[in-house]
All heavy atoms as atom14 arrays in JSON, in Angstrom:
{
  "sequence": "ITDWLAGNWFEVDGWGPAIIGGIIMGIAGLFIEM",
  "atom14_mask": [
    [1, 1, 1, 1, 1, 1, 1, 1, 0, 0, 0, 0, 0, 0],
    [1, 1, 1, 1, 1, 1, 1, 0, 0, 0, 0, 0, 0, 0],
    [1, 1, 1, 1, 1, 1, 1, 1, 0, 0, 0, 0, 0, 0],
    [1, 1, 1, 1, 1, 1, 1, 1, 1, 1, 1, 1, 1, 1],
    [1, 1, 1, 1, 1, 1, 1, 1, 0, 0, 0, 0, 0, 0],
    [1, 1, 1, 1, 1, 0, 0, 0, 0, 0, 0, 0, 0, 0],
    [1, 1, 1, 1, 0, 0, 0, 0, 0, 0, 0, 0, 0, 0],
    [1, 1, 1, 1, 1, 1, 1, 1, 0, 0, 0, 0, 0, 0],
    [1, 1, 1, 1, 1, 1, 1, 1, 1, 1, 1, 1, 1, 1],
    [1, 1, 1, 1, 1, 1, 1, 1, 1, 1, 1, 0, 0, 0],
    [1, 1, 1, 1, 1, 1, 1, 1, 1, 0, 0, 0, 0, 0],
    [1, 1, 1, 1, 1, 1, 1, 0, 0, 0, 0, 0, 0, 0],
    [1, 1, 1, 1, 1, 1, 1, 1, 0, 0, 0, 0, 0, 0],
    [1, 1, 1, 1, 0, 0, 0, 0, 0, 0, 0, 0, 0, 0],
    [1, 1, 1, 1, 1, 1, 1, 1, 1, 1, 1, 1, 1, 1],
    [1, 1, 1, 1, 0, 0, 0, 0, 0, 0, 0, 0, 0, 0],
    [1, 1, 1, 1, 1, 1, 1, 0, 0, 0, 0, 0, 0, 0],
    [1, 1, 1, 1, 1, 0, 0, 0, 0, 0, 0, 0, 0, 0],
    [1, 1, 1, 1, 1, 1, 1, 1, 0, 0, 0, 0, 0, 0],
    [1, 1, 1, 1, 1, 1, 1, 1, 0, 0, 0, 0, 0, 0],
    [1, 1, 1, 1, 0, 0, 0, 0, 0, 0, 0, 0, 0, 0],
    [1, 1, 1, 1, 0, 0, 0, 0, 0, 0, 0, 0, 0, 0],
    [1, 1, 1, 1, 1, 1, 1, 1, 0, 0, 0, 0, 0, 0],
    [1, 1, 1, 1, 1, 1, 1, 1, 0, 0, 0, 0, 0, 0],
    [1, 1, 1, 1, 1, 1, 1, 1, 0, 0, 0, 0, 0, 0],
    [1, 1, 1, 1, 0, 0, 0, 0, 0, 0, 0, 0, 0, 0],
    [1, 1, 1, 1, 1, 1, 1, 1, 0, 0, 0, 0, 0, 0],
    [1, 1, 1, 1, 1, 0, 0, 0, 0, 0, 0, 0, 0, 0],
    [1, 1, 1, 1, 0, 0, 0, 0, 0, 0, 0, 0, 0, 0],
    [1, 1, 1, 1, 1, 1, 1, 1, 0, 0, 0, 0, 0, 0],
    [1, 1, 1, 1, 1, 1, 1, 1, 1, 1, 1, 0, 0, 0],
    [1, 1, 1, 1, 1, 1, 1, 1, 0, 0, 0, 0, 0, 0],
    [1, 1, 1, 1, 1, 1, 1, 1, 1, 0, 0, 0, 0, 0],
    [1, 1, 1, 1, 1, 1, 1, 1, 0, 0, 0, 0, 0, 0]
  ],
  "atom14_positions": [
    [[11.99, -12.03, 14.02], [12.47, -10.8, 13.22], [13.77, -11.21, 12.41], [13.81, -10.9, 11.35], [12.75, -9.65, 14.1], [11.29, -9.13, 14.69], [13.33, -8.47, 13.35], [11.42, -8.16, 15.85], [0.0, 0.0, 0.0], [0.0, 0.0, 0.0], [0.0, 0.0, 0.0], [0.0, 0.0, 0.0], [0.0, 0.0, 0.0], [0.0, 0.0, 0.0]],
    [[14.6, -11.98, 13.09], [15.8, -12.45, 12.33], [15.45, -13.32, 11.17], [15.99, -13.2, 10.14], [16.69, -13.24, 13.29], [17.05, -12.35, 14.36], [17.99, -13.72, 12.64], [0.0, 0.0, 0.0], [0.0, 0.0, 0.0], [0.0, 0.0, 0.0], [0.0, 0.0, 0.0], [0.0, 0.0, 0.0], [0.0, 0.0, 0.0], [0.0, 0.0, 0.0]],
    [[14.37, -14.15, 11.38], [13.89, -14.99, 10.23], [13.44, -14.11, 9.12], [13.71, -14.39, 7.93], [12.75, -15.84, 10.81], [11.96, -16.63, 9.73], [12.5, -16.88, 8.67], [10.92, -16.96, 9.93], [0.0, 0.0, 0.0], [0.0, 0.0, 0.0], [0.0, 0.0, 0.0], [0.0, 0.0, 0.0], [0.0, 0.0, 0.0], [0.0, 0.0, 0.0]],
    [[12.69, -13.08, 9.46], [12.13, -12.15, 8.46], [13.21, -11.46, 7.68], [13.19, -11.37, 6.49], [11.19, -11.16, 9.03], [10.54, -10.24, 8.18], [9.66, -10.53, 7.13], [10.78, -8.86, 8.09], [9.37, -9.29, 6.45], [9.98, -8.33, 7.11], [11.5, -8.0, 8.89], [9.96, -6.96, 6.8], [11.48, -6.66, 8.59], [10.68, -6.16, 7.56]],
    [[14.26, -10.98, 8.39], [15.37, -10.22, 7.78], [16.38, -11.15, 7.07], [16.98, -10.72, 6.12], [16.11, -9.4, 8.91], [15.29, -8.3, 9.49], [16.09, -7.65, 10.61], [15.01, -7.2, 8.42], [0.0, 0.0, 0.0], [0.0, 0.0, 0.0], [0.0, 0.0, 0.0], [0.0, 0.0, 0.0], [0.0, 0.0, 0.0], [0.0, 0.0, 0.0]],
    [[16.55, -12.33, 7.5], [17.57, -13.25, 6.87], [17.1, -13.83, 5.64], [17.91, -14.49, 4.94], [17.99, -14.29, 7.85], [0.0, 0.0, 0.0], [0.0, 0.0, 0.0], [0.0, 0.0, 0.0], [0.0, 0.0, 0.0], [0.0, 0.0, 0.0], [0.0, 0.0, 0.0], [0.0, 0.0, 0.0], [0.0, 0.0, 0.0], [0.0, 0.0, 0.0]],
    [[15.8, -13.77, 5.28], [15.44, -14.33, 3.97], [15.45, -15.82, 3.99], [15.01, -16.5, 4.97], [0.0, 0.0, 0.0], [0.0, 0.0, 0.0], [0.0, 0.0, 0.0], [0.0, 0.0, 0.0], [0.0, 0.0, 0.0], [0.0, 0.0, 0.0], [0.0, 0.0, 0.0], [0.0, 0.0, 0.0], [0.0, 0.0, 0.0], [0.0, 0.0, 0.0]],
    [[16.06, -16.41, 2.96], [16.12, -17.83, 2.71], [17.16, -18.61, 3.59], [17.22, -19.78, 3.58], [16.33, -18.13, 1.32], [15.11, -17.75, 0.52], [14.05, -17.74, 0.88], [15.51, -17.52, -0.83], [0.0, 0.0, 0.0], [0.0, 0.0, 0.0], [0.0, 0.0, 0.0], [0.0, 0.0, 0.0], [0.0, 0.0, 0.0], [0.0, 0.0, 0.0]],
    [[17.98, -17.85, 4.3], [19.13, -18.43, 5.05], [18.62, -19.1, 6.34], [19.21, -20.02, 6.85], [20.21, -17.48, 5.39], [21.0, -17.08, 4.19], [21.24, -17.75, 3.06], [21.62, -15.76, 4.02], [21.99, -17.05, 2.15], [22.21, -15.79, 2.8], [21.73, -14.62, 4.85], [22.94, -14.74, 2.34], [22.44, -13.64, 4.39], [23.08, -13.68, 3.12]],
    [[17.51, -18.6, 6.91], [17.12, -18.94, 8.27], [15.57, -18.9, 8.31], [15.0, -18.08, 7.74], [17.69, -17.89, 9.19], [17.38, -18.12, 10.75], [17.96, -19.23, 11.3], [16.59, -17.3, 11.41], [17.7, -19.57, 12.69], [16.37, -17.51, 12.83], [16.9, -18.67, 13.44], [0.0, 0.0, 0.0], [0.0, 0.0, 0.0], [0.0, 0.0, 0.0]],
    [[15.07, -20.03, 8.94], [13.63, -20.13, 9.1], [13.22, -20.6, 10.43], [13.78, -21.46, 11.05], [13.1, -21.14, 8.03], [11.53, -21.16, 7.98], [11.17, -22.06, 6.87], [11.85, -22.25, 5.84], [10.02, -22.63, 7.01], [0.0, 0.0, 0.0], [0.0, 0.0, 0.0], [0.0, 0.0, 0.0], [0.0, 0.0, 0.0], [0.0, 0.0, 0.0]],
    [[12.2, -19.86, 10.96], [11.61, -20.26, 12.21], [10.05, -20.47, 11.95], [9.46, -19.59, 11.4], [11.73, -19.12, 13.33], [11.09, -19.62, 14.63], [13.27, -18.89, 13.58], [0.0, 0.0, 0.0], [0.0, 0.0, 0.0], [0.0, 0.0, 0.0], [0.0, 0.0, 0.0], [0.0, 0.0, 0.0], [0.0, 0.0, 0.0], [0.0, 0.0, 0.0]],
    [[9.54, -21.66, 12.31], [8.21, -21.95, 11.9], [7.05, -21.44, 12.83], [5.94, -21.9, 12.67], [8.15, -23.54, 11.87], [8.89, -24.15, 10.66], [9.14, -23.38, 9.71], [9.16, -25.29, 10.69], [0.0, 0.0, 0.0], [0.0, 0.0, 0.0], [0.0, 0.0, 0.0], [0.0, 0.0, 0.0], [0.0, 0.0, 0.0], [0.0, 0.0, 0.0]],
    [[7.34, -20.53, 13.69], [6.28, -19.96, 14.47], [6.63, -19.54, 15.8], [7.86, -19.67, 16.21], [0.0, 0.0, 0.0], [0.0, 0.0, 0.0], [0.0, 0.0, 0.0], [0.0, 0.0, 0.0], [0.0, 0.0, 0.0], [0.0, 0.0, 0.0], [0.0, 0.0, 0.0], [0.0, 0.0, 0.0], [0.0, 0.0, 0.0], [0.0, 0.0, 0.0]],
    [[5.65, -19.21, 16.69], [6.01, -18.68, 18.0], [6.53, -19.83, 18.95], [7.49, -19.61, 19.8], [4.88, -18.02, 18.66], [4.6, -16.68, 18.18], [3.74, -16.24, 17.26], [5.24, -15.51, 18.57], [3.83, -14.94, 17.05], [4.75, -14.44, 17.82], [6.29, -15.25, 19.52], [5.29, -13.16, 17.97], [6.69, -13.92, 19.72], [6.23, -12.92, 18.95]],
    [[5.96, -20.97, 18.81], [6.53, -22.12, 19.73], [7.95, -22.36, 19.5], [8.79, -22.33, 20.51], [0.0, 0.0, 0.0], [0.0, 0.0, 0.0], [0.0, 0.0, 0.0], [0.0, 0.0, 0.0], [0.0, 0.0, 0.0], [0.0, 0.0, 0.0], [0.0, 0.0, 0.0], [0.0, 0.0, 0.0], [0.0, 0.0, 0.0], [0.0, 0.0, 0.0]],
    [[8.42, -22.73, 18.34], [9.95, -22.91, 18.05], [10.67, -21.68, 18.42], [11.79, -21.86, 18.87], [9.92, -23.32, 16.65], [8.59, -23.81, 16.16], [7.57, -23.04, 17.03], [0.0, 0.0, 0.0], [0.0, 0.0, 0.0], [0.0, 0.0, 0.0], [0.0, 0.0, 0.0], [0.0, 0.0, 0.0], [0.0, 0.0, 0.0], [0.0, 0.0, 0.0]],
    [[10.15, -20.44, 18.19], [10.91, -19.26, 18.45], [11.17, -19.15, 19.92], [12.34, -18.8, 20.35], [10.14, -18.07, 17.9], [0.0, 0.0, 0.0], [0.0, 0.0, 0.0], [0.0, 0.0, 0.0], [0.0, 0.0, 0.0], [0.0, 0.0, 0.0], [0.0, 0.0, 0.0], [0.0, 0.0, 0.0], [0.0, 0.0, 0.0], [0.0, 0.0, 0.0]],
    [[10.19, -19.34, 20.76], [10.33, -19.22, 22.17], [11.21, -20.26, 22.71], [12.14, -20.04, 23.51], [8.95, -19.18, 22.9], [8.22, -17.88, 22.54], [9.11, -19.31, 24.37], [6.73, -17.82, 23.12], [0.0, 0.0, 0.0], [0.0, 0.0, 0.0], [0.0, 0.0, 0.0], [0.0, 0.0, 0.0], [0.0, 0.0, 0.0], [0.0, 0.0, 0.0]],
    [[11.03, -21.55, 22.33], [11.89, -22.63, 22.81], [13.39, -22.36, 22.2], [14.33, -22.61, 22.95], [11.37, -23.96, 22.33], [10.03, -24.26, 22.96], [12.39, -25.06, 22.55], [9.2, -25.42, 22.49], [0.0, 0.0, 0.0], [0.0, 0.0, 0.0], [0.0, 0.0, 0.0], [0.0, 0.0, 0.0], [0.0, 0.0, 0.0], [0.0, 0.0, 0.0]],
    [[13.45, -21.88, 21.02], [14.84, -21.62, 20.47], [15.47, -20.45, 21.25], [16.7, -20.48, 21.47], [0.0, 0.0, 0.0], [0.0, 0.0, 0.0], [0.0, 0.0, 0.0], [0.0, 0.0, 0.0], [0.0, 0.0, 0.0], [0.0, 0.0, 0.0], [0.0, 0.0, 0.0], [0.0, 0.0, 0.0], [0.0, 0.0, 0.0], [0.0, 0.0, 0.0]],
    [[14.76, -19.47, 21.67], [15.32, -18.44, 22.48], [15.82, -18.95, 23.8], [16.9, -18.47, 24.25], [0.0, 0.0, 0.0], [0.0, 0.0, 0.0], [0.0, 0.0, 0.0], [0.0, 0.0, 0.0], [0.0, 0.0, 0.0], [0.0, 0.0, 0.0], [0.0, 0.0, 0.0], [0.0, 0.0, 0.0], [0.0, 0.0, 0.0], [0.0, 0.0, 0.0]],
    [[15.03, -19.88, 24.35], [15.48, -20.49, 25.66], [16.77, -21.26, 25.48], [17.8, -21.12, 26.24], [14.39, -21.33, 26.2], [13.17, -20.46, 26.68], [14.92, -22.16, 27.49], [12.0, -21.29, 27.07], [0.0, 0.0, 0.0], [0.0, 0.0, 0.0], [0.0, 0.0, 0.0], [0.0, 0.0, 0.0], [0.0, 0.0, 0.0], [0.0, 0.0, 0.0]],
    [[16.84, -22.07, 24.42], [18.03, -22.88, 24.11], [19.13, -21.94, 23.85], [20.21, -22.22, 24.32], [17.71, -23.85, 22.91], [16.55, -24.75, 23.28], [18.99, -24.56, 22.51], [16.87, -25.82, 24.25], [0.0, 0.0, 0.0], [0.0, 0.0, 0.0], [0.0, 0.0, 0.0], [0.0, 0.0, 0.0], [0.0, 0.0, 0.0], [0.0, 0.0, 0.0]],
    [[18.99, -20.96, 23.03], [20.03, -20.03, 22.72], [20.65, -19.29, 23.96], [21.85, -19.16, 24.19], [19.68, -19.02, 21.7], [19.52, -19.47, 20.38], [19.2, -18.22, 19.09], [20.62, -17.3, 19.22], [0.0, 0.0, 0.0], [0.0, 0.0, 0.0], [0.0, 0.0, 0.0], [0.0, 0.0, 0.0], [0.0, 0.0, 0.0], [0.0, 0.0, 0.0]],
    [[19.72, -18.93, 24.86], [20.11, -18.27, 26.04], [20.95, -19.24, 27.02], [21.98, -18.83, 27.5], [0.0, 0.0, 0.0], [0.0, 0.0, 0.0], [0.0, 0.0, 0.0], [0.0, 0.0, 0.0], [0.0, 0.0, 0.0], [0.0, 0.0, 0.0], [0.0, 0.0, 0.0], [0.0, 0.0, 0.0], [0.0, 0.0, 0.0], [0.0, 0.0, 0.0]],
    [[20.5, -20.43, 27.11], [21.18, -21.44, 27.92], [22.62, -21.75, 27.27], [23.57, -21.82, 27.98], [20.35, -22.65, 28.14], [19.15, -22.42, 29.01], [21.23, -23.79, 28.73], [18.17, -23.5, 29.1], [0.0, 0.0, 0.0], [0.0, 0.0, 0.0], [0.0, 0.0, 0.0], [0.0, 0.0, 0.0], [0.0, 0.0, 0.0], [0.0, 0.0, 0.0]],
    [[22.52, -21.92, 26.0], [23.85, -22.33, 25.25], [24.73, -21.14, 25.4], [25.98, -21.29, 25.61], [23.61, -22.56, 23.75], [0.0, 0.0, 0.0], [0.0, 0.0, 0.0], [0.0, 0.0, 0.0], [0.0, 0.0, 0.0], [0.0, 0.0, 0.0], [0.0, 0.0, 0.0], [0.0, 0.0, 0.0], [0.0, 0.0, 0.0], [0.0, 0.0, 0.0]],
    [[24.34, -19.93, 25.18], [25.17, -18.68, 25.29], [25.75, -18.56, 26.64], [26.88, -18.14, 26.85], [0.0, 0.0, 0.0], [0.0, 0.0, 0.0], [0.0, 0.0, 0.0], [0.0, 0.0, 0.0], [0.0, 0.0, 0.0], [0.0, 0.0, 0.0], [0.0, 0.0, 0.0], [0.0, 0.0, 0.0], [0.0, 0.0, 0.0], [0.0, 0.0, 0.0]],
    [[24.95, -18.89, 27.64], [25.47, -18.82, 29.08], [26.5, -19.8, 29.3], [27.56, -19.39, 29.87], [24.29, -19.06, 30.05], [24.57, -19.07, 31.47], [24.9, -17.62, 32.0], [23.43, -19.57, 32.32], [0.0, 0.0, 0.0], [0.0, 0.0, 0.0], [0.0, 0.0, 0.0], [0.0, 0.0, 0.0], [0.0, 0.0, 0.0], [0.0, 0.0, 0.0]],
    [[26.36, -21.02, 28.95], [27.41, -22.02, 29.1], [28.66, -21.63, 28.37], [29.86, -21.92, 28.83], [26.89, -23.47, 28.74], [26.01, -24.07, 29.82], [24.74, -24.41, 29.59], [26.52, -24.27, 31.08], [23.91, -24.89, 30.55], [25.79, -24.8, 32.08], [24.47, -25.17, 31.76], [0.0, 0.0, 0.0], [0.0, 0.0, 0.0], [0.0, 0.0, 0.0]],
    [[28.58, -21.18, 27.11], [29.73, -20.81, 26.31], [30.46, -19.65, 26.99], [31.71, -19.67, 27.15], [29.27, -20.44, 24.88], [28.73, -21.61, 24.11], [30.43, -19.85, 24.12], [28.06, -21.38, 22.82], [0.0, 0.0, 0.0], [0.0, 0.0, 0.0], [0.0, 0.0, 0.0], [0.0, 0.0, 0.0], [0.0, 0.0, 0.0], [0.0, 0.0, 0.0]],
    [[29.73, -18.62, 27.42], [30.35, -17.54, 28.12], [31.05, -18.0, 29.43], [32.08, -17.47, 29.76], [29.29, -16.46, 28.4], [28.93, -15.58, 27.12], [27.84, -14.68, 27.54], [27.55, -14.42, 28.5], [27.27, -14.13, 26.53], [0.0, 0.0, 0.0], [0.0, 0.0, 0.0], [0.0, 0.0, 0.0], [0.0, 0.0, 0.0], [0.0, 0.0, 0.0]],
    [[30.31, -18.89, 30.2], [31.0, -19.38, 31.39], [32.25, -20.04, 31.08], [33.29, -19.87, 31.71], [30.02, -20.29, 32.14], [28.97, -19.56, 32.84], [27.64, -20.55, 33.68], [28.36, -22.06, 34.11], [0.0, 0.0, 0.0], [0.0, 0.0, 0.0], [0.0, 0.0, 0.0], [0.0, 0.0, 0.0], [0.0, 0.0, 0.0], [0.0, 0.0, 0.0]]
  ]
}
């Protein structure tokens, strides 16, 4: 949805990268918050 709203600034190539990216973002956010 962010890809759709952000237009040309951000691109996600499908469900696979989106799910893996969500996992990576969750882990990265957790470590940053810690």
